[in-house]
Protein backbone atom coordinates (compact mmCIF):
# COMPACT_ATOMS: atom_id res chain seq x y z
CA MET A 1 38.26 186.87 31.43
CA LYS A 2 39.65 184.33 29.03
CA THR A 3 41.29 185.35 25.79
CA ALA A 4 43.33 183.76 23.04
CA ILE A 5 46.53 185.34 21.76
CA SER A 6 49.18 184.32 19.27
CA LEU A 7 52.80 184.28 20.39
CA PRO A 8 56.03 183.32 18.66
CA ASP A 9 57.24 179.89 19.78
CA ASP A 10 60.40 181.25 21.39
CA LEU A 11 58.42 183.76 23.47
CA PHE A 12 55.94 181.09 24.56
CA ASP A 13 58.85 178.86 25.64
CA ALA A 14 60.43 181.74 27.59
CA ILE A 15 57.10 182.43 29.32
CA GLU A 16 56.75 178.75 30.21
CA ASP A 17 60.27 178.64 31.67
CA CYS A 18 59.83 181.84 33.65
CA ALA A 19 56.43 180.80 35.02
CA ARG A 20 57.83 177.45 36.11
CA ARG A 21 60.83 179.07 37.85
CA MET A 22 58.59 181.55 39.63
CA HIS A 23 55.97 178.91 40.52
CA LEU A 24 53.26 180.87 38.71
CA SER A 25 50.71 179.87 36.14
CA ARG A 26 51.20 181.25 32.63
CA SER A 27 48.02 183.27 33.10
CA ARG A 28 49.29 184.85 36.32
CA LEU A 29 52.70 185.62 34.81
CA LEU A 30 51.14 187.23 31.72
CA ALA A 31 48.66 189.21 33.84
CA LEU A 32 51.51 190.55 36.01
CA ALA A 33 53.59 191.43 32.96
CA ALA A 34 50.64 193.13 31.24
CA ARG A 35 49.81 195.19 34.34
CA GLN A 36 53.42 196.34 34.64
CA PHE A 37 53.58 197.23 30.94
CA VAL A 38 50.28 199.14 31.00
CA ALA A 39 51.29 201.04 34.16
CA ALA A 40 54.59 202.06 32.57
CA HIS A 41 52.88 203.28 29.40
CA ARG A 42 49.74 204.97 30.66
CA GLU A 43 49.06 208.57 29.72
CA PRO A 44 50.62 211.06 32.11
CA GLN A 45 48.29 212.75 34.56
CA ASP A 46 47.78 216.45 34.46
CA ALA A 47 49.93 218.29 36.99
CA THR A 48 47.07 219.42 39.23
CA ARG A 49 45.70 215.91 39.57
CA ALA A 50 49.18 214.52 40.28
CA TRP A 51 49.76 217.11 43.05
CA ASN A 52 46.31 216.49 44.54
CA ASP A 53 46.97 212.72 44.58
CA ALA A 54 50.37 213.24 46.22
CA ILE A 55 48.89 215.54 48.88
CA ALA A 56 46.07 213.06 49.52
CA ARG A 57 48.65 210.33 50.15
CA GLY A 58 51.25 212.35 52.07
CA GLY A 59 49.36 215.26 53.59
CA GLN A 60 49.85 218.98 53.20
CA PRO A 61 53.47 220.15 53.47
CA ALA A 62 52.30 222.70 56.07
CA ASP A 63 51.26 219.79 58.32
CA ASP A 64 54.89 218.76 58.77
CA PRO A 65 56.34 220.17 62.05
CA THR A 66 59.80 220.38 60.52
CA ALA A 67 58.51 222.47 57.62
CA ALA A 68 56.66 224.78 60.02
CA ALA A 69 59.81 225.25 62.11
CA MET A 70 61.86 226.00 59.00
CA ARG A 71 59.31 228.58 57.82
CA GLY A 72 59.50 230.28 61.22
CA ARG A 73 63.31 230.39 61.11
CA THR A 74 63.27 231.68 57.54
CA LYS A 75 60.80 234.44 58.41
CA ALA A 76 62.92 235.47 61.41
CA ILE A 77 66.05 235.66 59.23
CA LEU A 78 64.22 237.72 56.61
CA ARG A 79 62.81 240.11 59.22
CA GLY A 80 66.34 240.67 60.52
CA ARG A 81 67.52 241.79 57.05
CA GLN A 82 64.86 244.44 56.57
């Protein structure tokens, strides 16, 4: 999508210089910068959704063999104290 924006001259010049150094078009540089800014300032997710997303990406903690072994050791220690 094309759009027109107004920028101060010094900012435009800085964008031009940066785009040239990075071998990017102005449009690409501004799109990357806008995406980064929007991602950093989006509304926080609710906790349940954040946990569900993390589990979807990394799996259930119970699926980890190390975690299962640690639970077994912990249970054995606790049974010995009763």
